[in-house]
Protein backbone atom coordinates (compact mmCIF):
# COMPACT_ATOMS: atom_id res chain seq x y z
CA UNK A 1 20.79 -17.39 -2.89
CA UNK A 2 20.75 -16.19 -6.51
CA UNK A 3 21.09 -19.79 -7.80
CA UNK A 4 18.40 -21.35 -5.60
CA UNK A 5 14.70 -20.77 -5.05
CA UNK A 6 13.80 -18.19 -2.43
CA UNK A 7 11.74 -19.92 0.25
CA UNK A 8 8.97 -17.50 1.27
CA UNK A 9 6.52 -17.87 4.15
CA UNK A 10 3.21 -15.99 4.30
CA UNK A 11 1.71 -14.74 7.56
CA UNK A 12 -2.01 -14.11 7.31
CA UNK A 13 -4.02 -15.94 4.65
CA UNK A 14 -7.12 -13.83 4.41
CA UNK A 15 -8.05 -12.15 1.14
CA UNK A 16 -4.69 -10.49 0.53
CA UNK A 17 -2.49 -13.17 2.05
CA UNK A 18 -4.10 -16.03 0.15
CA UNK A 19 -3.75 -13.99 -3.05
CA UNK A 20 -0.04 -13.54 -2.33
CA UNK A 21 0.35 -17.24 -1.55
CA UNK A 22 -1.21 -18.13 -4.91
CA UNK A 23 1.03 -15.58 -6.60
CA UNK A 24 4.17 -16.96 -5.00
CA UNK A 25 3.17 -20.50 -5.92
CA UNK A 26 2.16 -19.91 -9.52
CA UNK A 27 3.29 -16.54 -10.87
CA UNK A 28 6.61 -15.62 -9.24
CA UNK A 29 9.85 -16.94 -10.71
CA UNK A 30 12.67 -18.14 -8.49
CA UNK A 31 10.42 -18.62 -5.47
CA UNK A 32 8.93 -21.50 -3.49
CA UNK A 33 6.07 -21.08 -1.02
CA UNK A 34 7.65 -22.45 2.16
CA UNK A 35 4.77 -22.17 4.61
CA UNK A 36 1.75 -20.24 5.83
CA UNK A 37 0.47 -19.15 9.23
CA UNK A 38 -2.92 -17.82 10.29
CA UNK A 39 -5.03 -17.83 13.49
CA UNK A 40 -7.76 -19.55 11.46
CA UNK A 41 -6.20 -23.02 11.44
CA UNK A 42 -8.79 -24.51 9.09
CA UNK A 43 -8.34 -21.76 6.53
CA UNK A 44 -4.55 -22.08 6.69
CA UNK A 45 -4.72 -25.86 6.39
CA UNK A 46 -7.03 -25.69 3.37
CA UNK A 47 -4.76 -23.24 1.58
CA UNK A 48 -1.64 -25.22 2.48
CA UNK A 49 -3.20 -28.41 1.14
CA UNK A 50 -4.16 -26.73 -2.11
CA UNK A 51 -0.69 -25.19 -2.59
CA UNK A 52 1.31 -28.11 -1.16
CA UNK A 53 3.06 -26.23 1.60
CA UNK A 54 3.49 -26.30 5.39
CA UNK A 55 1.26 -24.81 8.10
CA UNK A 56 2.85 -23.05 11.08
CA UNK A 57 0.56 -22.57 14.06
CA UNK A 58 2.68 -19.69 15.37
CA UNK A 59 3.61 -16.90 12.92
CA UNK A 60 6.80 -16.19 14.88
CA UNK A 61 7.78 -19.84 14.46
CA UNK A 62 7.37 -19.38 10.70
CA UNK A 63 9.71 -16.38 10.86
CA UNK A 64 12.28 -18.33 12.86
CA UNK A 65 12.10 -21.47 10.72
CA UNK A 66 15.38 -22.40 9.00
CA UNK A 67 13.24 -23.48 6.03
CA UNK A 68 12.02 -19.89 5.45
CA UNK A 69 14.32 -17.32 3.80
CA UNK A 70 11.91 -14.37 3.56
CA UNK A 71 8.42 -13.47 4.74
CA UNK A 72 5.29 -11.81 3.39
CA UNK A 73 3.25 -10.24 6.21
CA UNK A 74 -0.43 -9.95 5.28
CA UNK A 75 -1.87 -10.13 8.78
CA UNK A 76 -3.96 -7.38 10.44
CA UNK A 77 -2.05 -4.15 11.04
CA UNK A 78 -2.12 -4.37 14.83
CA UNK A 79 0.29 -7.35 14.78
CA UNK A 80 2.65 -5.99 12.12
CA UNK A 81 5.13 -4.45 14.52
CA UNK A 82 5.77 -7.69 16.39
CA UNK A 83 6.05 -9.75 13.22
CA UNK A 84 8.23 -7.31 11.27
CA UNK A 85 10.56 -6.82 14.23
CA UNK A 86 10.86 -10.62 14.45
CA UNK A 87 11.93 -10.69 10.81
CA UNK A 88 14.58 -8.08 11.55
CA UNK A 89 15.87 -10.04 14.53
CA UNK A 90 16.27 -13.11 12.34
CA UNK A 91 17.82 -11.12 9.49
CA UNK A 92 15.03 -12.02 7.05
CA UNK A 93 13.66 -9.79 4.33
CA UNK A 94 9.98 -8.99 4.72
CA UNK A 95 7.31 -7.64 2.39
CA UNK A 96 4.77 -6.10 4.77
CA UNK A 97 1.34 -5.14 3.50
CA UNK A 98 0.21 -1.64 4.41
CA UNK A 99 -0.02 -0.15 6.92
CA UNK A 100 3.47 -0.81 8.25
CA UNK A 101 1.95 -0.42 11.74
CA UNK A 102 -1.12 1.23 13.19
CA UNK A 103 0.51 4.43 14.44
CA UNK A 104 3.59 6.51 13.77
CA UNK A 105 5.29 5.70 17.09
CA UNK A 106 5.33 1.96 16.44
CA UNK A 107 6.29 2.52 12.80
CA UNK A 108 9.23 4.62 13.96
CA UNK A 109 10.34 1.75 16.21
CA UNK A 110 10.52 -0.46 13.12
CA UNK A 111 12.52 2.22 11.29
CA UNK A 112 14.93 2.56 14.22
CA UNK A 113 15.41 -1.21 14.51
CA UNK A 114 16.19 -1.55 10.81
CA UNK A 115 18.48 1.48 10.82
CA UNK A 116 20.40 -0.09 13.71
CA UNK A 117 21.00 -3.15 11.50
CA UNK A 118 22.47 -0.91 8.81
CA UNK A 119 20.72 -2.65 5.91
CA UNK A 120 17.25 -2.62 4.41
CA UNK A 121 15.17 -5.72 4.97
CA UNK A 122 11.67 -4.20 5.06
CA UNK A 123 9.58 -3.45 1.98
CA UNK A 124 6.08 -2.02 2.46
CA UNK A 125 3.34 -3.16 0.09
CA UNK A 126 2.41 0.08 -1.63
CA UNK A 127 1.90 -1.73 -4.92
CA UNK A 128 0.88 1.35 -6.91
CA UNK A 129 4.56 2.22 -7.32
CA UNK A 130 4.82 -0.89 -9.49
CA UNK A 131 1.71 -0.18 -11.56
CA UNK A 132 2.93 0.54 -15.11
CA UNK A 133 0.89 3.77 -15.35
CA UNK A 134 2.08 5.16 -12.03
CA UNK A 135 5.67 4.20 -12.86
CA UNK A 136 5.43 5.82 -16.31
CA UNK A 137 4.08 9.09 -14.89
CA UNK A 138 6.78 9.13 -12.23
CA UNK A 139 9.46 8.61 -14.89
CA UNK A 140 7.97 11.35 -17.07
CA UNK A 141 7.94 13.79 -14.16
CA UNK A 142 11.47 12.84 -13.12
CA UNK A 143 12.72 13.55 -16.65
CA UNK A 144 11.97 17.25 -16.13
CA UNK A 145 10.44 17.75 -19.55
CA UNK A 146 7.09 18.72 -18.03
CA UNK A 147 8.56 21.08 -15.47
CA UNK A 148 7.60 20.93 -11.80
CA UNK A 149 4.61 18.99 -10.58
CA UNK A 150 2.20 21.58 -9.19
CA UNK A 151 -1.07 19.85 -8.37
CA UNK A 152 -2.09 16.20 -8.09
CA UNK A 153 -5.73 15.08 -8.15
CA UNK A 154 -6.37 11.57 -6.79
CA UNK A 155 -9.64 9.63 -6.93
CA UNK A 156 -10.12 6.39 -4.96
CA UNK A 157 -13.51 4.66 -4.92
CA UNK A 158 -14.73 1.27 -3.76
CA UNK A 159 -18.11 -0.22 -4.57
CA UNK A 160 -18.66 -0.89 -0.87
CA UNK A 161 -16.97 -1.97 2.36
CA UNK A 162 -18.29 -3.82 5.43
CA UNK A 163 -20.10 -1.05 7.29
CA UNK A 164 -19.93 -2.92 10.58
CA UNK A 165 -16.14 -2.79 10.70
CA UNK A 166 -15.11 0.04 8.38
CA UNK A 167 -15.30 3.26 10.36
CA UNK A 168 -14.50 6.82 9.29
CA UNK A 169 -10.96 6.60 10.68
CA UNK A 170 -10.30 3.46 8.64
CA UNK A 171 -11.02 5.37 5.44
CA UNK A 172 -8.03 7.53 6.35
CA UNK A 173 -5.78 4.79 7.72
CA UNK A 174 -6.58 1.94 5.29
CA UNK A 175 -7.68 3.69 2.07
CA UNK A 176 -6.27 7.22 1.96
CA UNK A 177 -2.87 5.84 2.99
CA UNK A 178 -2.43 4.65 -0.62
CA UNK A 179 -2.91 8.23 -1.85
CA UNK A 180 -0.38 9.37 0.74
CA UNK A 181 2.28 7.09 -0.65
CA UNK A 182 1.34 7.75 -4.27
CA UNK A 183 1.63 11.50 -3.65
CA UNK A 184 5.04 11.13 -1.99
CA UNK A 185 6.13 8.87 -4.87
CA UNK A 186 5.02 11.20 -7.67
CA UNK A 187 6.24 14.41 -6.02
CA UNK A 188 9.37 12.90 -4.49
CA UNK A 189 8.59 14.97 -1.39
CA UNK A 190 7.02 14.66 2.03
CA UNK A 191 3.49 15.64 3.01
CA UNK A 192 3.79 18.43 5.60
CA UNK A 193 0.12 19.19 6.29
CA UNK A 194 -3.19 17.40 5.82
CA UNK A 195 -6.80 18.56 5.93
CA UNK A 196 -9.66 16.05 5.80
CA UNK A 197 -13.14 17.35 4.97
CA UNK A 198 -16.42 15.72 4.02
CA UNK A 199 -19.71 16.60 2.38
CA UNK A 200 -22.93 15.25 3.85
CA UNK A 201 -22.29 11.50 4.01
CA UNK A 202 -23.67 9.06 1.49
CA UNK A 203 -26.78 7.20 2.50
CA UNK A 204 -24.89 3.97 1.79
CA UNK A 205 -22.34 4.63 4.53
CA UNK A 206 -22.89 2.99 7.90
CA UNK A 207 -24.27 4.92 10.87
CA UNK A 208 -21.83 7.64 11.86
CA UNK A 209 -19.45 6.87 8.97
CA UNK A 210 -18.11 9.94 7.17
CA UNK A 211 -17.99 8.88 3.51
CA UNK A 212 -16.90 10.25 1.07
CA UNK A 213 -13.96 12.23 2.35
CA UNK A 214 -11.85 14.87 0.64
CA UNK A 215 -8.29 15.28 1.86
CA UNK A 216 -5.88 18.05 0.91
CA UNK A 217 -2.14 17.53 1.26
CA UNK A 218 0.42 20.32 1.34
CA UNK A 219 3.75 19.02 0.04
CA UNK A 220 7.14 20.15 1.31
CA UNK A 221 8.02 21.78 -2.02
CA UNK A 222 4.83 23.84 -2.16
CA UNK A 223 2.66 21.54 -4.28
CA UNK A 224 -0.92 20.59 -3.42
CA UNK A 225 -2.81 17.30 -3.64
CA UNK A 226 -6.56 16.80 -3.64
CA UNK A 227 -7.86 13.35 -2.75
CA UNK A 228 -11.39 12.01 -3.00
CA UNK A 229 -11.90 8.72 -1.16
CA UNK A 230 -15.38 7.22 -1.47
CA UNK A 231 -15.59 3.67 -0.15
CA UNK A 232 -19.33 3.11 -0.74
CA UNK A 233 -19.67 4.49 -4.28
CA UNK A 234 -21.99 1.61 -5.36
CA UNK A 235 -20.23 1.43 -8.76
CA UNK A 236 -16.91 -0.38 -8.56
CA UNK A 237 -13.24 -0.08 -7.71
CA UNK A 238 -11.99 3.07 -9.39
CA UNK A 239 -8.52 4.54 -8.91
CA UNK A 240 -7.17 7.31 -11.15
CA UNK A 241 -5.24 10.54 -10.99
CA UNK A 242 -4.19 13.63 -12.91
CA UNK A 243 -0.78 15.16 -12.32
CA UNK A 244 -0.76 18.83 -13.35
CA UNK A 245 2.73 20.09 -14.16
CA UNK A 246 4.11 23.37 -15.49
CA UNK A 247 3.97 22.06 -19.04
CA UNK A 248 0.99 19.76 -19.41
CA UNK A 249 -0.78 17.15 -17.34
CA UNK A 250 -0.40 13.39 -17.10
CA UNK A 251 -3.31 11.06 -16.39
CA UNK A 252 -3.58 7.45 -15.24
CA UNK A 253 -6.53 5.14 -14.76
CA UNK A 254 -8.44 6.31 -17.84
CA UNK A 255 -9.55 4.42 -20.92
CA UNK A 256 -6.68 3.19 -23.09
CA UNK A 257 -7.28 5.96 -25.63
CA UNK A 258 -6.95 8.62 -22.92
CA UNK A 259 -10.60 9.61 -23.11
CA UNK A 260 -12.62 9.68 -19.92
CA UNK A 261 -15.46 7.25 -20.57
CA UNK A 262 -17.21 6.49 -17.32
CA UNK A 263 -20.87 6.06 -16.62
CA UNK A 264 -21.47 6.10 -12.87
CA UNK A 265 -24.87 4.72 -12.00
CA UNK A 266 -26.13 2.42 -9.29
CA UNK A 267 -26.83 -0.37 -11.80
CA UNK A 268 -23.33 -0.47 -13.27
CA UNK A 269 -20.52 1.56 -14.73
CA UNK A 270 -18.03 1.57 -17.57
CA UNK A 271 -14.50 2.83 -17.77
CA UNK A 272 -13.37 2.30 -21.32
CA UNK A 273 -14.82 -1.12 -20.60
CA UNK A 274 -15.93 -2.37 -17.20
CA UNK A 275 -15.27 -0.93 -13.78
CA UNK A 276 -13.84 -3.80 -11.69
CA UNK A 277 -15.32 -4.68 -8.33
CA UNK A 278 -12.02 -5.71 -6.80
CA UNK A 279 -8.71 -3.95 -6.17
CA UNK A 280 -6.95 -7.21 -7.05
CA UNK A 281 -8.30 -6.85 -10.59
CA UNK A 282 -7.41 -3.15 -11.01
CA UNK A 283 -3.89 -3.67 -9.69
CA UNK A 284 -3.30 -7.31 -10.66
CA UNK A 285 -0.28 -6.44 -12.77
CA UNK A 286 1.10 -4.13 -10.09
CA UNK A 287 0.94 -6.88 -7.46
CA UNK A 288 2.66 -9.37 -9.76
CA UNK A 289 5.42 -6.90 -10.62
CA UNK A 290 5.82 -5.88 -6.97
CA UNK A 291 6.27 -9.40 -5.63
CA UNK A 292 8.56 -10.46 -8.47
CA UNK A 293 10.74 -7.37 -8.04
CA UNK A 294 10.89 -7.94 -4.28
CA UNK A 295 11.83 -11.60 -4.67
CA UNK A 296 14.49 -10.79 -7.26
CA UNK A 297 15.99 -8.13 -4.98
CA UNK A 298 16.07 -10.46 -1.98
CA UNK A 299 17.76 -13.19 -4.02
CA UNK A 300 20.32 -10.64 -5.19
CA UNK A 301 20.94 -9.36 -1.67
CA UNK A 302 19.56 -5.89 -2.45
CA UNK A 303 16.32 -4.02 -1.73
CA UNK A 304 13.65 -2.37 -3.84
CA UNK A 305 10.36 -0.57 -3.41
CA UNK A 306 8.85 1.40 -0.53
CA UNK A 307 10.99 1.21 2.60
CA UNK A 308 10.20 1.18 6.29
CA UNK A 309 10.71 4.95 6.18
CA UNK A 310 8.01 5.22 3.51
CA UNK A 311 5.73 3.13 5.70
CA UNK A 312 6.45 5.35 8.70
CA UNK A 313 5.92 8.57 6.74
CA UNK A 314 2.60 7.33 5.34
CA UNK A 315 1.45 6.30 8.81
CA UNK A 316 2.43 9.70 10.24
CA UNK A 317 0.33 11.44 7.57
CA UNK A 318 -2.58 9.10 8.30
CA UNK A 319 -2.31 9.86 12.03
CA UNK A 320 -2.46 13.58 11.25
CA UNK A 321 -5.33 12.90 8.86
CA UNK A 322 -7.38 11.21 11.57
CA UNK A 323 -6.81 14.23 13.81
CA UNK A 324 -7.96 16.52 11.01
CA UNK A 325 -11.01 14.35 10.38
CA UNK A 326 -11.99 14.87 14.01
CA UNK A 327 -11.40 18.64 13.98
CA UNK A 328 -12.02 19.65 10.36
CA UNK A 329 -8.86 21.74 10.52
CA UNK A 330 -5.41 21.46 8.91
CA UNK A 331 -2.96 19.36 10.93
CA UNK A 332 0.81 19.50 10.51
CA UNK A 333 2.69 16.24 9.94
CA UNK A 334 5.68 15.98 12.27
CA UNK A 335 8.37 13.59 11.05
CA UNK A 336 11.41 12.30 12.89
CA UNK A 337 14.87 12.81 11.43
CA UNK A 338 15.39 10.53 8.46
CA UNK A 339 18.13 7.92 9.13
CA UNK A 340 21.02 7.79 6.70
CA UNK A 341 19.98 4.28 5.65
CA UNK A 342 17.04 5.80 3.74
CA UNK A 343 18.88 8.79 2.27
CA UNK A 344 18.55 7.51 -1.31
CA UNK A 345 14.89 6.48 -1.09
CA UNK A 346 12.40 7.94 -3.57
């Protein structure tokens, strides 16, 4: 495999999937886009024609195809379990966009199936781990020169989301889940308790939608994480954090000179420049690095990045978070025993 192009199929060619298909076609070395599948046949056909690849009417047929070596799953979360398990049955590496599945029970089934194989084939698309700033802060913390990480402050804002479809629970499951994984990544620990609170909701949120939300994570080593998620901020896509350690703090997502320079008004904002509207702009480099690292690992017969266990753990925290959102009280995060296959995961 290391001497030939990795033939990758993409399931789901909506916003994220089409972006990945373009990336695989034009910006990922050692890879060939080997096919796409999507329930919207016209959309899939148009993308396939533009990128000179094959359309599969059935996503499971794409997985089973002898012309596909590995799969990117960018379909809606409710079909992830079936599609990822199919990849495991066929022995094919899969990069699955978050969430791994929609609930912790189904995510644990994926973990158990992969553990039974005895080798890692699943990578979950928590791309922030590949963002140069996140990676640099993680390396600095791991060096020990700053002492223990004590408190992490995360901020995650979108300009807006479709109010018809994006409910309060989705803010936890589809947005806060990134902060869950980033917190686990930077601390190197599990989240053991989550509390989700909210001020009076923004007038830009849909009817009954609780936005913004503030979540507090208790980490297994005693650290704390505060998370603000505001998906109708009216400004832009803004993701940043401050990691407070025993000897100093480390910041990411600020202006290049390290000075906070944001104007947050309804008619625009600046962040050492502009505040992007789109997550694909803010994390463009992270996505490119993620997919290239994944493809390189698959070609080498190894694995890299967030595992199925990481996907399960993030989903378990999100499930607890939705329970806390409903009650306003802290909710413990129960986790299954970690299989030996994931013993060396970050």
